[in-house]
Amino acid sequence: MFNNFLCVLSALRENYKRMKLQILLFSCLLLFASECKEKTSQSGKPGITPEFLRCEFMVNPVGIDNQNPLLSWYSESEQRGQVQTAYQVLVASSLSNLEAGMADLWNSDKVLSDSSAHIPYKGKKLTSGVQAFWKVKLWDKDGKESEWSEPANWTMGITSEEDWKAQWIKYPSTKNGIGKNGLPMFRKSFSLHKPVKRALIHVTGLGQYELFVNGTKTGDHFLDPAWSTYEKTVYYNTFDVTPSLEQGENVLGMMLGKGFYNTHGDRRIHGVDVNAPLKLILQAEIEYTDGSSETIISDESWKVTEGPITHSAILGGSDYDARKLPEGWAKT
């Protein structure tokens, strides 16, 4: 038995030696990796680079209605301990002006600051639908100047109440804008005979809406607009639909739902029984390459009928009768 004990003790000693050797090897590997990382960091590209430009925390947003939107960016560097010490922002009315360094909207000049977020635009007043192009460069801890960033942009929404030319429209055959057998769907056909430079649509529908351009749903939003106290505030969306338009006939189509705007007759009432008319407002601003423009608005010329959604409620679900969907209702 004593011999067995000696064998076990010898085995433990051998295992202890192996463990010491493994720990030593592991420590050497860590030291080697740390030295390699330090050398890589020290030999990295000097300076800092502005990346990921954002306006109002979004990338190239459309529909900004703040006259002093907040600008932000990231600072990237391959050097350890590198920091931003100053920045300069250029904002121009066109990409060509920006690339030429012509900041016809705003030039912040060099600002001594390490801030890279919540930088307010302080340039010329921006009118409805204006597109602003911008870029930024930085100075690092050694005073070295970076290259200009890649350009970014933002597009203004409607900045004044007077710029809304469109009218609210609803299903005319009922008091509250809801058909007897289905929720309303609207259609507007129009023609284009000149090349389009840019086309924006400002739109909302109460309680919810989906917009189609030539048969294709616009945007990736769901349950627009955002809920609000509708008597005080109604939110709208702006979409750039330039790629969706065609020469010749085009069609806009909209379907409306009830949401929290109208809860009358719902299978589940959410505390308030509201009987409000479903309605929409839409304004399309089309710019042509020859410098002319055209505005298409929601008005009494739009066609409207009852659609396939026969019931719609936030908590009570929806009923859909596909037989009531007119074929090609939102297409040419």
Foldseek 3Di string as FASTA:
>chain_A
DVVVVVVVVVVVVVVVVVVVVVVVVVVVVVVVVVVVLVVQQVPWDDDKDWADKDWLNHFQEEAAQDQWIKIATDIDGSHPPKAFQKKWKAKPQDPVCVVVVNRVFDIPPIDGDRDGTRHIDDGDGDAAFGKMKMWMWTAMPVRDTDDIHDITIYTHHHHDPVPQPADKDADPPDDARQDPQFHKKKKDKDAAAFAFPWKKKKKAKPPHKWKDKQRHTFDDDDRPDDDDPVVVDHDIDMGTCNVRDDHTMMMMMMTDAHEVVACAPAPDDPPDHHRHHIIMWMWMWIAGPVGDIDIDIDDPVMDMDGAQWRHHYPPRHTGGDVVRHDPSRGHD
